[in-house]
Protein backbone atom coordinates (compact mmCIF):
# COMPACT_ATOMS: atom_id res chain seq x y z
CA MET A 1 -19.04 -8.52 -18.66
CA ARG A 2 -15.60 -7.51 -19.91
CA ILE A 3 -14.09 -4.06 -19.52
CA SER A 4 -10.82 -2.82 -20.95
CA GLY A 5 -9.05 0.50 -21.03
CA HIS A 6 -5.77 2.31 -21.50
CA VAL A 7 -3.87 4.14 -18.78
CA GLU A 8 -0.85 6.34 -19.36
CA THR A 9 1.68 6.35 -16.54
CA ARG A 10 4.84 8.28 -15.70
CA ASP A 11 7.69 7.73 -13.28
CA LEU A 12 7.48 10.48 -10.66
CA ALA A 13 9.76 8.75 -8.13
CA GLY A 14 6.72 7.96 -5.98
CA VAL A 15 5.63 11.59 -5.53
CA LEU A 16 1.91 12.07 -6.10
CA ARG A 17 1.45 15.19 -8.23
CA GLY A 18 -1.67 16.95 -9.47
CA HIS A 19 -4.07 14.99 -7.24
CA ARG A 20 -6.88 17.04 -5.71
CA GLU A 21 -6.84 16.35 -1.98
CA THR A 22 -10.06 16.76 0.02
CA ILE A 23 -8.86 15.30 3.33
CA HIS A 24 -6.19 16.97 5.46
CA PRO A 25 -3.06 14.79 5.89
CA LEU A 26 -3.38 14.81 9.70
CA ALA A 27 -6.53 12.68 9.33
CA TYR A 28 -4.18 9.87 8.30
CA LEU A 29 -2.51 9.67 11.70
CA ARG A 30 -5.52 7.67 12.97
CA ASP A 31 -5.03 3.94 13.62
CA THR A 32 -7.46 1.28 12.42
CA GLN A 33 -7.85 -2.34 13.46
CA ALA A 34 -5.54 -3.36 10.59
CA THR A 35 -2.82 -0.82 11.47
CA ALA A 36 -3.03 -0.71 15.29
CA PRO A 37 0.50 -0.92 16.69
CA ASP A 38 1.65 -3.50 19.19
CA LYS A 39 4.94 -3.72 21.10
CA ALA A 40 6.83 -5.30 18.17
CA LEU A 41 5.67 -2.64 15.70
CA ARG A 42 6.65 0.09 18.17
CA LYS A 43 10.10 -1.47 18.54
CA LEU A 44 10.54 -1.72 14.75
CA ALA A 45 9.46 1.91 14.31
CA GLN A 46 12.15 3.06 16.75
CA SER A 47 14.82 0.73 15.33
CA VAL A 48 15.55 3.05 12.39
CA GLY A 49 16.80 5.77 14.74
CA THR A 50 16.04 9.47 14.78
CA HIS A 51 16.03 11.51 11.61
CA ASP A 52 15.44 15.20 10.98
CA ASP A 53 14.59 14.51 7.35
CA ALA A 54 11.08 13.04 7.02
CA LEU A 55 11.73 11.65 3.53
CA ASP A 56 14.82 9.78 4.73
CA LEU A 57 12.85 8.47 7.72
CA ALA A 58 10.06 7.25 5.42
CA HIS A 59 12.59 5.40 3.23
CA ARG A 60 14.16 3.79 6.31
CA LEU A 61 10.77 2.70 7.66
CA SER A 62 9.91 1.13 4.30
CA ALA A 63 13.24 -0.73 4.23
CA ALA A 64 12.65 -1.97 7.79
CA VAL A 65 9.27 -3.44 6.78
CA ASN A 66 10.82 -5.02 3.69
CA GLU A 67 13.44 -6.72 5.86
CA ALA A 68 11.03 -7.78 8.62
CA ILE A 69 8.25 -9.26 6.45
CA ALA A 70 9.12 -11.65 3.63
CA PHE A 71 6.80 -11.62 0.62
CA ARG A 72 4.96 -14.94 0.66
CA PRO A 73 1.54 -15.33 -1.01
CA GLY A 74 -1.10 -17.42 0.72
CA VAL A 75 0.15 -17.18 4.31
CA THR A 76 -2.12 -14.33 5.40
CA GLN A 77 -5.75 -13.41 4.82
CA ALA A 78 -7.69 -10.24 4.06
CA ARG A 79 -8.23 -9.53 7.77
CA THR A 80 -4.61 -10.10 8.86
CA THR A 81 -3.34 -7.10 10.82
CA ALA A 82 0.04 -5.42 10.57
CA ALA A 83 0.95 -6.79 14.01
CA GLU A 84 0.02 -10.34 12.98
CA ALA A 85 2.01 -10.13 9.73
CA LEU A 86 5.07 -8.81 11.56
CA ALA A 87 4.81 -11.61 14.14
CA LEU A 88 4.53 -14.15 11.30
CA GLY A 89 7.45 -12.54 9.45
CA GLU A 90 5.78 -13.00 6.06
CA GLY A 91 2.81 -11.81 4.08
CA VAL A 92 1.66 -10.09 0.91
CA CYS A 93 1.67 -6.50 -0.31
CA GLN A 94 -1.36 -5.65 1.84
CA ASP A 95 0.54 -6.73 4.95
CA HIS A 96 3.62 -4.71 3.96
CA ALA A 97 1.45 -1.63 3.37
CA HIS A 98 -0.38 -1.99 6.70
CA ALA A 99 2.90 -2.47 8.59
CA LEU A 100 4.51 0.56 6.94
CA ILE A 101 1.46 2.68 7.68
CA ALA A 102 1.60 1.62 11.34
CA LEU A 103 5.32 2.49 11.58
CA ALA A 104 4.91 5.86 9.86
CA ARG A 105 2.02 6.84 12.12
CA LEU A 106 4.06 5.84 15.16
CA ARG A 107 6.71 8.31 13.96
CA ASP A 108 4.06 11.05 13.46
CA LEU A 109 4.08 10.78 9.67
CA PRO A 110 0.58 10.70 8.14
CA ALA A 111 0.25 7.51 6.10
CA ARG A 112 -2.43 5.91 3.96
CA TYR A 113 -3.11 2.70 2.07
CA VAL A 114 -3.21 2.70 -1.73
CA SER A 115 -4.93 0.10 -3.87
CA GLY A 116 -4.03 -0.23 -7.51
CA TYR A 117 -2.31 -2.29 -10.14
CA LEU A 118 1.28 -3.18 -10.88
CA HIS A 119 2.74 -4.30 -14.16
CA SER A 120 5.43 -6.46 -12.64
CA THR A 121 6.50 -8.72 -15.46
CA GLN A 122 9.78 -8.58 -17.31
CA ASP A 123 8.84 -11.47 -19.62
CA GLY A 124 5.99 -9.71 -21.45
CA GLN A 125 3.39 -12.20 -20.21
CA PRO A 126 0.16 -10.99 -18.55
CA HIS A 127 0.07 -11.52 -14.77
CA GLU A 128 -2.40 -10.89 -11.96
CA ALA A 129 -1.94 -7.21 -11.30
CA ALA A 130 -3.85 -6.18 -8.14
CA HIS A 131 -1.39 -4.52 -5.79
CA ALA A 132 -1.16 -2.31 -2.70
CA TRP A 133 1.37 0.10 -1.26
CA ALA A 134 1.51 2.98 1.21
CA GLU A 135 1.76 6.74 0.79
CA ILE A 136 3.45 8.81 3.47
CA HIS A 137 2.94 12.56 3.72
CA VAL A 138 6.22 14.48 3.75
CA SER A 139 6.03 18.20 4.56
CA ASN A 140 6.95 20.50 1.64
CA LEU A 141 6.77 17.55 -0.77
CA GLY A 142 3.32 16.01 -0.29
CA TRP A 143 2.30 12.36 -0.56
CA VAL A 144 5.07 9.95 -1.51
CA GLY A 145 4.42 6.30 -2.37
CA PHE A 146 6.42 3.44 -0.86
CA ASP A 147 6.07 -0.18 -1.95
CA ALA A 148 7.67 -2.00 0.98
CA ALA A 149 6.85 -5.39 -0.57
CA ASN A 150 9.10 -4.64 -3.56
CA GLY A 151 11.53 -2.29 -1.79
CA CYS A 152 10.90 0.68 -4.09
CA CYS A 153 8.79 3.75 -4.75
CA PRO A 154 6.00 3.52 -7.33
CA ASP A 155 7.10 4.27 -10.90
CA GLU A 156 5.55 3.99 -14.37
CA ARG A 157 4.58 0.34 -13.68
CA TYR A 158 2.04 1.39 -11.02
CA VAL A 159 -1.60 2.42 -11.53
CA ARG A 160 -3.14 4.11 -8.49
CA LEU A 161 -6.89 3.49 -8.01
CA GLY A 162 -7.68 4.89 -4.58
CA SER A 163 -6.51 5.43 -1.04
CA GLY A 164 -7.79 5.22 2.52
CA LEU A 165 -6.86 4.53 6.11
CA ASP A 166 -6.35 0.81 5.39
CA ALA A 167 -7.25 -1.91 2.86
CA THR A 168 -10.94 -1.94 3.78
CA ASP A 169 -11.17 1.83 3.41
CA ALA A 170 -9.36 1.78 0.04
CA ALA A 171 -11.10 -1.28 -1.44
CA PRO A 172 -11.54 -0.81 -5.21
CA ILE A 173 -14.73 -2.90 -5.20
CA ARG A 174 -17.22 -2.84 -2.35
CA GLY A 175 -20.95 -3.22 -1.98
CA VAL A 176 -23.91 -4.25 0.13
CA ALA A 177 -26.22 -7.18 -0.55
CA MET A 178 -29.81 -7.00 0.65
CA GLY A 179 -32.37 -9.78 0.74
CA SER A 180 -32.01 -13.50 0.41
CA GLY A 181 -30.05 -15.40 -2.19
CA ALA A 182 -26.45 -15.87 -2.99
CA GLU A 183 -24.01 -13.95 -5.11
CA ARG A 184 -20.50 -14.43 -6.29
CA LEU A 185 -17.99 -11.93 -7.57
CA ALA A 186 -14.92 -13.01 -9.50
CA VAL A 187 -12.47 -10.36 -10.65
CA THR A 188 -9.29 -10.85 -12.63
CA VAL A 189 -7.13 -7.94 -13.69
CA GLN A 190 -4.18 -8.14 -16.02
CA VAL A 191 -1.86 -5.30 -16.94
CA GLU A 192 0.05 -5.47 -20.18
CA GLU A 193 2.54 -3.00 -21.57
CA MET A 194 1.51 -1.39 -24.85
CA ALA A 195 4.01 -0.30 -27.49
CA GLN A 196 4.16 3.44 -28.11
């Protein structure tokens, strides 16, 4: 089966606008297995100092994760936790998102995991596009996206699919198999820029 579609995006400096929220932000202060803090995460969360401005604090936490975890595909797995990725000092976008969520929650900022796509090419060639980042709730502003893996806030290159407490909760594809037999799922997503 092949599915294609068109998505229009805009650069909103990471601020999520016009999204109908059904879950109160305080629900996103809850830790999961993937985001449970250890001593090193607690230390990193405090290393950015104290800040009265929540947005500035969120930016500093994202920068701290970007510096502490190098982007390196293939070194972690789907079940790698934020604490494990920080100890390793490298990982993928999922690890950056989990670590940032852990730090934000430690600083009493509600945070959630976002799964989506990123058009990351400058050469015009199609690339694998699955991506993840974090959203942090900032009072009087709402949810703001932070891509700690790329050191930026989501812009027009990002397509948001869904959010949750962690990667498992925000998985774009999930199901249950019943009975005997085997199954295999292979998914490839490519994002290409269309001319106006």
